[in-house]
Amino acid sequence: MVAPYRHIANLQDLKDAEAKEHFDIIKKSLELLKEVMQPTGFNIGLNLGKAAGAGIAEHLHTHIVPRWQGDTNFMPVLSDTKVISEALISTYRKLRAKL
């Protein structure tokens, strides 16, 4: 997840320098995730506003989700269960080591 320092809800309220920094961090994150996790694709997105699913509607943030071919499975559909193949702390440690 990438979030600007300033707490704002609307993308259009980002100053040009903030928007550039935000996008630069997204690009750097993609490079880091590719190197460490070797995904075959990404989902990158913004949920703007509560109606769009923003958990923290008053603070703009961008989600970066690494994806692998075939990683979608039946678990979320049938049992509302999400499968995580690696503990988040392990992922954090791998990414932190590369920074």
PDB file of N, CA and C in Angstrom:
ATOM      1  N   MET A   1       0.853  -1.168   0.000  1.00  0.00           N
ATOM      2  CA  MET A   1       0.000   0.000   0.000  1.00  0.00           C
ATOM      3  C   MET A   1       0.899   1.230   0.000  1.00  0.00           C
ATOM      4  N   VAL A   2       0.538   2.199  -0.809  1.00  0.00           N
ATOM      5  CA  VAL A   2       1.275   3.463  -0.890  1.00  0.00           C
ATOM      6  C   VAL A   2       0.310   4.581  -0.520  1.00  0.00           C
ATOM      7  N   ALA A   3       0.713   5.431   0.416  1.00  0.00           N
ATOM      8  CA  ALA A   3      -0.138   6.544   0.853  1.00  0.00           C
ATOM      9  C   ALA A   3       0.693   7.817   0.951  1.00  0.00           C
ATOM     10  N   PRO A   4       0.126   8.938   0.536  1.00  0.00           N
ATOM     11  CA  PRO A   4       0.855  10.209   0.697  1.00  0.00           C
ATOM     12  C   PRO A   4       0.932  10.592   2.173  1.00  0.00           C
ATOM     13  N   TYR A   5       1.906  11.408   2.506  1.00  0.00           N
ATOM     14  CA  TYR A   5       2.050  11.867   3.893  1.00  0.00           C
ATOM     15  C   TYR A   5       0.839  12.693   4.334  1.00  0.00           C
ATOM     16  N   ARG A   6       0.381  13.553   3.429  1.00  0.00           N
ATOM     17  CA  ARG A   6      -0.744  14.434   3.751  1.00  0.00           C
ATOM     18  C   ARG A   6      -2.047  13.644   3.705  1.00  0.00           C
ATOM     19  N   HIS A   7      -2.861  13.817   4.717  1.00  0.00           N
ATOM     20  CA  HIS A   7      -4.149  13.124   4.785  1.00  0.00           C
ATOM     21  C   HIS A   7      -5.163  13.833   3.901  1.00  0.00           C
ATOM     22  N   ILE A   8      -5.417  13.238   2.739  1.00  0.00           N
ATOM     23  CA  ILE A   8      -6.413  13.772   1.818  1.00  0.00           C
ATOM     24  C   ILE A   8      -7.251  12.609   1.290  1.00  0.00           C
ATOM     25  N   ALA A   9      -8.463  12.914   0.892  1.00  0.00           N
ATOM     26  CA  ALA A   9      -9.368  11.866   0.415  1.00  0.00           C
ATOM     27  C   ALA A   9      -9.440  11.793  -1.110  1.00  0.00           C
ATOM     28  N   ASN A  10      -9.119  12.869  -1.788  1.00  0.00           N
ATOM     29  CA  ASN A  10      -9.358  12.946  -3.228  1.00  0.00           C
ATOM     30  C   ASN A  10      -8.061  13.000  -4.023  1.00  0.00           C
ATOM     31  N   LEU A  11      -8.001  12.175  -5.048  1.00  0.00           N
ATOM     32  CA  LEU A  11      -6.841  12.132  -5.920  1.00  0.00           C
ATOM     33  C   LEU A  11      -6.541  13.507  -6.518  1.00  0.00           C
ATOM     34  N   GLN A  12      -7.571  14.210  -6.909  1.00  0.00           N
ATOM     35  CA  GLN A  12      -7.381  15.512  -7.552  1.00  0.00           C
ATOM     36  C   GLN A  12      -6.844  16.577  -6.587  1.00  0.00           C
ATOM     37  N   ASP A  13      -6.840  16.288  -5.292  1.00  0.00           N
ATOM     38  CA  ASP A  13      -6.301  17.228  -4.310  1.00  0.00           C
ATOM     39  C   ASP A  13      -4.797  17.075  -4.091  1.00  0.00           C
ATOM     40  N   LEU A  14      -4.198  16.038  -4.685  1.00  0.00           N
ATOM     41  CA  LEU A  14      -2.744  15.898  -4.590  1.00  0.00           C
ATOM     42  C   LEU A  14      -2.068  17.034  -5.339  1.00  0.00           C
ATOM     43  N   LYS A  15      -1.085  17.637  -4.728  1.00  0.00           N
ATOM     44  CA  LYS A  15      -0.269  18.625  -5.431  1.00  0.00           C
ATOM     45  C   LYS A  15       0.589  17.856  -6.439  1.00  0.00           C
ATOM     46  N   ASP A  16       1.075  18.558  -7.466  1.00  0.00           N
ATOM     47  CA  ASP A  16       1.855  17.902  -8.512  1.00  0.00           C
ATOM     48  C   ASP A  16       3.050  17.133  -7.940  1.00  0.00           C
ATOM     49  N   ALA A  17       3.759  17.745  -6.997  1.00  0.00           N
ATOM     50  CA  ALA A  17       4.922  17.082  -6.391  1.00  0.00           C
ATOM     51  C   ALA A  17       4.503  15.836  -5.607  1.00  0.00           C
ATOM     52  N   GLU A  18       3.365  15.906  -4.926  1.00  0.00           N
ATOM     53  CA  GLU A  18       2.864  14.747  -4.179  1.00  0.00           C
ATOM     54  C   GLU A  18       2.455  13.618  -5.122  1.00  0.00           C
ATOM     55  N   ALA A  19       1.807  13.977  -6.222  1.00  0.00           N
ATOM     56  CA  ALA A  19       1.381  12.977  -7.196  1.00  0.00           C
ATOM     57  C   ALA A  19       2.598  12.290  -7.820  1.00  0.00           C
ATOM     58  N   LYS A  20       3.618  13.071  -8.133  1.00  0.00           N
ATOM     59  CA  LYS A  20       4.840  12.496  -8.700  1.00  0.00           C
ATOM     60  C   LYS A  20       5.500  11.569  -7.695  1.00  0.00           C
ATOM     61  N   GLU A  21       5.619  12.003  -6.452  1.00  0.00           N
ATOM     62  CA  GLU A  21       6.238  11.158  -5.433  1.00  0.00           C
ATOM     63  C   GLU A  21       5.440   9.863  -5.239  1.00  0.00           C
ATOM     64  N   HIS A  22       4.127   9.981  -5.205  1.00  0.00           N
ATOM     65  CA  HIS A  22       3.256   8.821  -5.026  1.00  0.00           C
ATOM     66  C   HIS A  22       3.489   7.810  -6.155  1.00  0.00           C
ATOM     67  N   PHE A  23       3.485   8.295  -7.393  1.00  0.00           N
ATOM     68  CA  PHE A  23       3.677   7.414  -8.541  1.00  0.00           C
ATOM     69  C   PHE A  23       5.088   6.832  -8.567  1.00  0.00           C
ATOM     70  N   ASP A  24       6.082   7.638  -8.193  1.00  0.00           N
ATOM     71  CA  ASP A  24       7.466   7.145  -8.134  1.00  0.00           C
ATOM     72  C   ASP A  24       7.599   6.015  -7.114  1.00  0.00           C
ATOM     73  N   ILE A  25       6.912   6.136  -5.987  1.00  0.00           N
ATOM     74  CA  ILE A  25       6.958   5.079  -4.969  1.00  0.00           C
ATOM     75  C   ILE A  25       6.257   3.820  -5.476  1.00  0.00           C
ATOM     76  N   ILE A  26       5.171   3.985  -6.209  1.00  0.00           N
ATOM     77  CA  ILE A  26       4.500   2.827  -6.807  1.00  0.00           C
ATOM     78  C   ILE A  26       5.464   2.120  -7.761  1.00  0.00           C
ATOM     79  N   LYS A  27       6.147   2.878  -8.603  1.00  0.00           N
ATOM     80  CA  LYS A  27       7.100   2.289  -9.549  1.00  0.00           C
ATOM     81  C   LYS A  27       8.222   1.555  -8.816  1.00  0.00           C
ATOM     82  N   LYS A  28       8.767   2.168  -7.784  1.00  0.00           N
ATOM     83  CA  LYS A  28       9.837   1.547  -6.998  1.00  0.00           C
ATOM     84  C   LYS A  28       9.324   0.282  -6.312  1.00  0.00           C
ATOM     85  N   SER A  29       8.101   0.329  -5.820  1.00  0.00           N
ATOM     86  CA  SER A  29       7.497  -0.837  -5.172  1.00  0.00           C
ATOM     87  C   SER A  29       7.361  -1.993  -6.145  1.00  0.00           C
ATOM     88  N   LEU A  30       6.957  -1.702  -7.382  1.00  0.00           N
ATOM     89  CA  LEU A  30       6.841  -2.741  -8.400  1.00  0.00           C
ATOM     90  C   LEU A  30       8.194  -3.390  -8.671  1.00  0.00           C
ATOM     91  N   GLU A  31       9.239  -2.583  -8.778  1.00  0.00           N
ATOM     92  CA  GLU A  31      10.586  -3.119  -8.995  1.00  0.00           C
ATOM     93  C   GLU A  31      10.993  -4.042  -7.850  1.00  0.00           C
ATOM     94  N   LEU A  32      10.769  -3.591  -6.628  1.00  0.00           N
ATOM     95  CA  LEU A  32      11.128  -4.356  -5.440  1.00  0.00           C
ATOM     96  C   LEU A  32      10.341  -5.665  -5.360  1.00  0.00           C
ATOM     97  N   LEU A  33       9.033  -5.579  -5.572  1.00  0.00           N
ATOM     98  CA  LEU A  33       8.194  -6.771  -5.514  1.00  0.00           C
ATOM     99  C   LEU A  33       8.564  -7.764  -6.620  1.00  0.00           C
ATOM    100  N   LYS A  34       8.875  -7.269  -7.813  1.00  0.00           N
ATOM    101  CA  LYS A  34       9.285  -8.161  -8.905  1.00  0.00           C
ATOM    102  C   LYS A  34      10.557  -8.912  -8.538  1.00  0.00           C
ATOM    103  N   GLU A  35      11.522  -8.202  -7.976  1.00  0.00           N
ATOM    104  CA  GLU A  35      12.797  -8.811  -7.623  1.00  0.00           C
ATOM    105  C   GLU A  35      12.648  -9.843  -6.503  1.00  0.00           C
ATOM    106  N   VAL A  36      11.902  -9.498  -5.481  1.00  0.00           N
ATOM    107  CA  VAL A  36      11.810 -10.347  -4.298  1.00  0.00           C
ATOM    108  C   VAL A  36      10.802 -11.480  -4.464  1.00  0.00           C
ATOM    109  N   MET A  37       9.647 -11.186  -5.051  1.00  0.00           N
ATOM    110  CA  MET A  37       8.555 -12.161  -5.081  1.00  0.00           C
ATOM    111  C   MET A  37       8.335 -12.803  -6.448  1.00  0.00           C
ATOM    112  N   GLN A  38       8.887 -12.224  -7.492  1.00  0.00           N
ATOM    113  CA  GLN A  38       8.791 -12.720  -8.851  1.00  0.00           C
ATOM    114  C   GLN A  38       7.357 -13.041  -9.298  1.00  0.00           C
ATOM    115  N   PRO A  39       6.430 -12.082  -9.138  1.00  0.00           N
ATOM    116  CA  PRO A  39       5.063 -12.318  -9.608  1.00  0.00           C
ATOM    117  C   PRO A  39       5.004 -12.250 -11.135  1.00  0.00           C
ATOM    118  N   THR A  40       3.915 -12.753 -11.681  1.00  0.00           N
ATOM    119  CA  THR A  40       3.730 -12.688 -13.130  1.00  0.00           C
ATOM    120  C   THR A  40       2.780 -11.571 -13.537  1.00  0.00           C
ATOM    121  N   GLY A  41       2.292 -10.827 -12.550  1.00  0.00           N
ATOM    122  CA  GLY A  41       1.414  -9.691 -12.808  1.00  0.00           C
ATOM    123  C   GLY A  41       1.114  -8.936 -11.523  1.00  0.00           C
ATOM    124  N   PHE A  42       0.371  -7.841 -11.650  1.00  0.00           N
ATOM    125  CA  PHE A  42      -0.013  -7.019 -10.498  1.00  0.00           C
ATOM    126  C   PHE A  42      -1.434  -6.503 -10.663  1.00  0.00           C
ATOM    127  N   ASN A  43      -2.111  -6.323  -9.556  1.00  0.00           N
ATOM    128  CA  ASN A  43      -3.308  -5.490  -9.502  1.00  0.00           C
ATOM    129  C   ASN A  43      -2.891  -4.235  -8.754  1.00  0.00           C
ATOM    130  N   ILE A  44      -3.181  -3.079  -9.340  1.00  0.00           N
ATOM    131  CA  ILE A  44      -2.871  -1.795  -8.707  1.00  0.00           C
ATOM    132  C   ILE A  44      -4.148  -0.984  -8.739  1.00  0.00           C
ATOM    133  N   GLY A  45      -4.558  -0.461  -7.574  1.00  0.00           N
ATOM    134  CA  GLY A  45      -5.813   0.269  -7.590  1.00  0.00           C
ATOM    135  C   GLY A  45      -6.027   1.195  -6.421  1.00  0.00           C
ATOM    136  N   LEU A  46      -7.001   2.057  -6.620  1.00  0.00           N
ATOM    137  CA  LEU A  46      -7.443   3.026  -5.621  1.00  0.00           C
ATOM    138  C   LEU A  46      -8.926   2.804  -5.362  1.00  0.00           C
ATOM    139  N   ASN A  47      -9.320   2.809  -4.119  1.00  0.00           N
ATOM    140  CA  ASN A  47     -10.739   2.811  -3.763  1.00  0.00           C
ATOM    141  C   ASN A  47     -11.029   4.201  -3.219  1.00  0.00           C
ATOM    142  N   LEU A  48     -11.692   5.023  -3.996  1.00  0.00           N
ATOM    143  CA  LEU A  48     -11.935   6.412  -3.621  1.00  0.00           C
ATOM    144  C   LEU A  48     -13.339   6.560  -3.053  1.00  0.00           C
ATOM    145  N   GLY A  49     -13.421   6.794  -1.753  1.00  0.00           N
ATOM    146  CA  GLY A  49     -14.705   6.963  -1.087  1.00  0.00           C
ATOM    147  C   GLY A  49     -15.231   5.678  -0.477  1.00  0.00           C
ATOM    148  N   LYS A  50     -16.049   5.843   0.536  1.00  0.00           N
ATOM    149  CA  LYS A  50     -16.610   4.709   1.257  1.00  0.00           C
ATOM    150  C   LYS A  50     -17.419   3.798   0.330  1.00  0.00           C
ATOM    151  N   ALA A  51     -18.197   4.376  -0.558  1.00  0.00           N
ATOM    152  CA  ALA A  51     -19.030   3.595  -1.471  1.00  0.00           C
ATOM    153  C   ALA A  51     -18.189   2.728  -2.411  1.00  0.00           C
ATOM    154  N   ALA A  52     -16.955   3.136  -2.656  1.00  0.00           N
ATOM    155  CA  ALA A  52     -16.059   2.380  -3.536  1.00  0.00           C
ATOM    156  C   ALA A  52     -15.260   1.323  -2.780  1.00  0.00           C
ATOM    157  N   GLY A  53     -15.454   1.254  -1.479  1.00  0.00           N
ATOM    158  CA  GLY A  53     -14.768   0.234  -0.687  1.00  0.00           C
ATOM    159  C   GLY A  53     -13.560   0.724   0.080  1.00  0.00           C
ATOM    160  N   ALA A  54     -13.348   2.034   0.121  1.00  0.00           N
ATOM    161  CA  ALA A  54     -12.206   2.563   0.866  1.00  0.00           C
ATOM    162  C   ALA A  54     -12.404   2.324   2.360  1.00  0.00           C
ATOM    163  N   GLY A  55     -11.481   1.565   2.952  1.00  0.00           N
ATOM    164  CA  GLY A  55     -11.543   1.308   4.386  1.00  0.00           C
ATOM    165  C   GLY A  55     -11.236   2.548   5.197  1.00  0.00           C
ATOM    166  N   ILE A  56     -10.345   3.380   4.676  1.00  0.00           N
ATOM    167  CA  ILE A  56      -9.999   4.663   5.306  1.00  0.00           C
ATOM    168  C   ILE A  56     -10.305   5.731   4.259  1.00  0.00           C
ATOM    169  N   ALA A  57     -11.562   6.105   4.166  1.00  0.00           N
ATOM    170  CA  ALA A  57     -12.024   6.984   3.083  1.00  0.00           C
ATOM    171  C   ALA A  57     -11.358   8.352   3.098  1.00  0.00           C
ATOM    172  N   GLU A  58     -10.950   8.815   4.264  1.00  0.00           N
ATOM    173  CA  GLU A  58     -10.379  10.157   4.353  1.00  0.00           C
ATOM    174  C   GLU A  58      -8.875  10.189   4.057  1.00  0.00           C
ATOM    175  N   HIS A  59      -8.274   9.043   3.739  1.00  0.00           N
ATOM    176  CA  HIS A  59      -6.844   9.025   3.417  1.00  0.00           C
ATOM    177  C   HIS A  59      -6.616   8.208   2.146  1.00  0.00           C
ATOM    178  N   LEU A  60      -6.326   8.915   1.076  1.00  0.00           N
ATOM    179  CA  LEU A  60      -6.026   8.313  -0.213  1.00  0.00           C
ATOM    180  C   LEU A  60      -4.882   7.311  -0.080  1.00  0.00           C
ATOM    181  N   HIS A  61      -5.024   6.161  -0.695  1.00  0.00           N
ATOM    182  CA  HIS A  61      -3.937   5.179  -0.738  1.00  0.00           C
ATOM    183  C   HIS A  61      -4.115   4.275  -1.949  1.00  0.00           C
ATOM    184  N   THR A  62      -3.000   3.737  -2.413  1.00  0.00           N
ATOM    185  CA  THR A  62      -2.983   2.866  -3.583  1.00  0.00           C
ATOM    186  C   THR A  62      -2.563   1.467  -3.159  1.00  0.00           C
ATOM    187  N   HIS A  63      -3.353   0.480  -3.575  1.00  0.00           N
ATOM    188  CA  HIS A  63      -3.046  -0.913  -3.288  1.00  0.00           C
ATOM    189  C   HIS A  63      -2.183  -1.483  -4.409  1.00  0.00           C
ATOM    190  N   ILE A  64      -1.168  -2.259  -4.043  1.00  0.00           N
ATOM    191  CA  ILE A  64      -0.349  -2.985  -5.011  1.00  0.00           C
ATOM    192  C   ILE A  64      -0.406  -4.451  -4.589  1.00  0.00           C
ATOM    193  N   VAL A  65      -0.962  -5.288  -5.457  1.00  0.00           N
ATOM    194  CA  VAL A  65      -1.124  -6.706  -5.136  1.00  0.00           C
ATOM    195  C   VAL A  65      -0.381  -7.539  -6.170  1.00  0.00           C
ATOM    196  N   PRO A  66       0.700  -8.215  -5.750  1.00  0.00           N
ATOM    197  CA  PRO A  66       1.383  -9.098  -6.690  1.00  0.00           C
ATOM    198  C   PRO A  66       0.508 -10.305  -7.001  1.00  0.00           C
ATOM    199  N   ARG A  67       0.551 -10.757  -8.256  1.00  0.00           N
ATOM    200  CA  ARG A  67      -0.287 -11.886  -8.679  1.00  0.00           C
ATOM    201  C   ARG A  67       0.553 -12.905  -9.430  1.00  0.00           C
ATOM    202  N   TRP A  68       0.115 -14.154  -9.388  1.00  0.00           N
ATOM    203  CA  TRP A  68       0.759 -15.253 -10.094  1.00  0.00           C
ATOM    204  C   TRP A  68      -0.287 -15.978 -10.910  1.00  0.00           C
ATOM    205  N   GLN A  69       0.119 -16.500 -12.035  1.00  0.00           N
ATOM    206  CA  GLN A  69      -0.793 -17.257 -12.878  1.00  0.00           C
ATOM    207  C   GLN A  69      -1.425 -18.374 -12.058  1.00  0.00           C
ATOM    208  N   GLY A  70      -2.733 -18.438 -12.050  1.00  0.00           N
ATOM    209  CA  GLY A  70      -3.440 -19.490 -11.332  1.00  0.00           C
ATOM    210  C   GLY A  70      -3.620 -19.246  -9.853  1.00  0.00           C
ATOM    211  N   ASP A  71      -3.301 -18.036  -9.345  1.00  0.00           N
ATOM    212  CA  ASP A  71      -3.407 -17.821  -7.898  1.00  0.00           C
ATOM    213  C   ASP A  71      -4.840 -17.600  -7.412  1.00  0.00           C
ATOM    214  N   THR A  72      -5.775 -17.398  -8.310  1.00  0.00           N
ATOM    215  CA  THR A  72      -7.174 -17.268  -7.909  1.00  0.00           C
ATOM    216  C   THR A  72      -7.728 -18.672  -7.733  1.00  0.00           C
ATOM    217  N   ASN A  73      -8.365 -18.901  -6.608  1.00  0.00           N
ATOM    218  CA  ASN A  73      -8.898 -20.241  -6.376  1.00  0.00           C
ATOM    219  C   ASN A  73     -10.314 -20.152  -5.839  1.00  0.00           C
ATOM    220  N   PHE A  74     -10.882 -21.266  -5.516  1.00  0.00           N
ATOM    221  CA  PHE A  74     -12.283 -21.342  -5.107  1.00  0.00           C
ATOM    222  C   PHE A  74     -12.532 -20.920  -3.661  1.00  0.00           C
ATOM    223  N   MET A  75     -11.492 -20.803  -2.844  1.00  0.00           N
ATOM    224  CA  MET A  75     -11.687 -20.545  -1.412  1.00  0.00           C
ATOM    225  C   MET A  75     -12.487 -19.272  -1.122  1.00  0.00           C
ATOM    226  N   PRO A  76     -12.165 -18.117  -1.723  1.00  0.00           N
ATOM    227  CA  PRO A  76     -12.942 -16.915  -1.397  1.00  0.00           C
ATOM    228  C   PRO A  76     -14.396 -17.003  -1.862  1.00  0.00           C
ATOM    229  N   VAL A  77     -14.634 -17.756  -2.920  1.00  0.00           N
ATOM    230  CA  VAL A  77     -15.980 -17.852  -3.485  1.00  0.00           C
ATOM    231  C   VAL A  77     -16.874 -18.759  -2.634  1.00  0.00           C
ATOM    232  N   LEU A  78     -16.351 -19.899  -2.242  1.00  0.00           N
ATOM    233  CA  LEU A  78     -17.156 -20.896  -1.543  1.00  0.00           C
ATOM    234  C   LEU A  78     -17.260 -20.675  -0.040  1.00  0.00           C
ATOM    235  N   SER A  79     -16.186 -20.235   0.575  1.00  0.00           N
ATOM    236  CA  SER A  79     -16.215 -20.197   2.035  1.00  0.00           C
ATOM    237  C   SER A  79     -15.809 -18.860   2.637  1.00  0.00           C
ATOM    238  N   ASP A  80     -15.714 -17.826   1.814  1.00  0.00           N
ATOM    239  CA  ASP A  80     -15.305 -16.505   2.294  1.00  0.00           C
ATOM    240  C   ASP A  80     -13.987 -16.592   3.063  1.00  0.00           C
ATOM    241  N   THR A  81     -13.090 -17.439   2.573  1.00  0.00           N
ATOM    242  CA  THR A  81     -11.783 -17.665   3.188  1.00  0.00           C
ATOM    243  C   THR A  81     -10.703 -17.230   2.225  1.00  0.00           C
ATOM    244  N   LYS A  82      -9.690 -16.586   2.731  1.00  0.00           N
ATOM    245  CA  LYS A  82      -8.582 -16.170   1.893  1.00  0.00           C
ATOM    246  C   LYS A  82      -7.354 -16.995   2.253  1.00  0.00           C
ATOM    247  N   VAL A  83      -6.669 -17.479   1.234  1.00  0.00           N
ATOM    248  CA  VAL A  83      -5.475 -18.279   1.432  1.00  0.00           C
ATOM    249  C   VAL A  83      -4.269 -17.368   1.285  1.00  0.00           C
ATOM    250  N   ILE A  84      -3.418 -17.364   2.288  1.00  0.00           N
ATOM    251  CA  ILE A  84      -2.172 -16.601   2.242  1.00  0.00           C
ATOM    252  C   ILE A  84      -1.042 -17.619   2.270  1.00  0.00           C
ATOM    253  N   SER A  85      -0.248 -17.648   1.203  1.00  0.00           N
ATOM    254  CA  SER A  85       0.772 -18.681   1.083  1.00  0.00           C
ATOM    255  C   SER A  85       2.050 -18.353   1.850  1.00  0.00           C
ATOM    256  N   GLU A  86       2.143 -17.153   2.386  1.00  0.00           N
ATOM    257  CA  GLU A  86       3.325 -16.761   3.144  1.00  0.00           C
ATOM    258  C   GLU A  86       2.896 -15.801   4.231  1.00  0.00           C
ATOM    259  N   ALA A  87       3.451 -15.952   5.406  1.00  0.00           N
ATOM    260  CA  ALA A  87       3.148 -15.041   6.503  1.00  0.00           C
ATOM    261  C   ALA A  87       3.585 -13.624   6.124  1.00  0.00           C
ATOM    262  N   LEU A  88       2.778 -12.642   6.485  1.00  0.00           N
ATOM    263  CA  LEU A  88       3.098 -11.258   6.130  1.00  0.00           C
ATOM    264  C   LEU A  88       4.443 -10.825   6.700  1.00  0.00           C
ATOM    265  N   ILE A  89       4.804 -11.295   7.887  1.00  0.00           N
ATOM    266  CA  ILE A  89       6.089 -10.916   8.479  1.00  0.00           C
ATOM    267  C   ILE A  89       7.244 -11.434   7.627  1.00  0.00           C
ATOM    268  N   SER A  90       7.090 -12.596   7.015  1.00  0.00           N
ATOM    269  CA  SER A  90       8.130 -13.133   6.124  1.00  0.00           C
ATOM    270  C   SER A  90       8.277 -12.261   4.885  1.00  0.00           C
ATOM    271  N   THR A  91       7.157 -11.874   4.304  1.00  0.00           N
ATOM    272  CA  THR A  91       7.185 -10.989   3.137  1.00  0.00           C
ATOM    273  C   THR A  91       7.829  -9.665   3.507  1.00  0.00           C
ATOM    274  N   TYR A  92       7.445  -9.093   4.650  1.00  0.00           N
ATOM    275  CA  TYR A  92       8.001  -7.826   5.115  1.00  0.00           C
ATOM    276  C   TYR A  92       9.531  -7.929   5.239  1.00  0.00           C
ATOM    277  N   ARG A  93       9.997  -8.999   5.857  1.00  0.00           N
ATOM    278  CA  ARG A  93      11.446  -9.161   6.065  1.00  0.00           C
ATOM    279  C   ARG A  93      12.188  -9.257   4.732  1.00  0.00           C
ATOM    280  N   LYS A  94      11.629  -9.949   3.768  1.00  0.00           N
ATOM    281  CA  LYS A  94      12.264 -10.060   2.446  1.00  0.00           C
ATOM    282  C   LYS A  94      12.338  -8.706   1.754  1.00  0.00           C
ATOM    283  N   LEU A  95      11.234  -7.972   1.792  1.00  0.00           N
ATOM    284  CA  LEU A  95      11.203  -6.656   1.137  1.00  0.00           C
ATOM    285  C   LEU A  95      12.106  -5.673   1.861  1.00  0.00           C
ATOM    286  N   ARG A  96      12.078  -5.682   3.180  1.00  0.00           N
ATOM    287  CA  ARG A  96      12.910  -4.776   3.988  1.00  0.00           C
ATOM    288  C   ARG A  96      14.402  -5.003   3.712  1.00  0.00           C
ATOM    289  N   ALA A  97      14.802  -6.261   3.558  1.00  0.00           N
ATOM    290  CA  ALA A  97      16.202  -6.586   3.304  1.00  0.00           C
ATOM    291  C   ALA A  97      16.671  -5.996   1.975  1.00  0.00           C
ATOM    292  N   LYS A  98      15.782  -5.911   0.995  1.00  0.00           N
ATOM    293  CA  LYS A  98      16.153  -5.360  -0.313  1.00  0.00           C
ATOM    294  C   LYS A  98      16.172  -3.837  -0.324  1.00  0.00           C
ATOM    295  N   LEU A  99      15.463  -3.214   0.609  1.00  0.00           N
ATOM    296  CA  LEU A  99      15.479  -1.754   0.678  1.00  0.00           C
ATOM    297  C   LEU A  99      16.792  -1.297   1.276  1.00  0.00           C
TER     298      LEU A  99
END
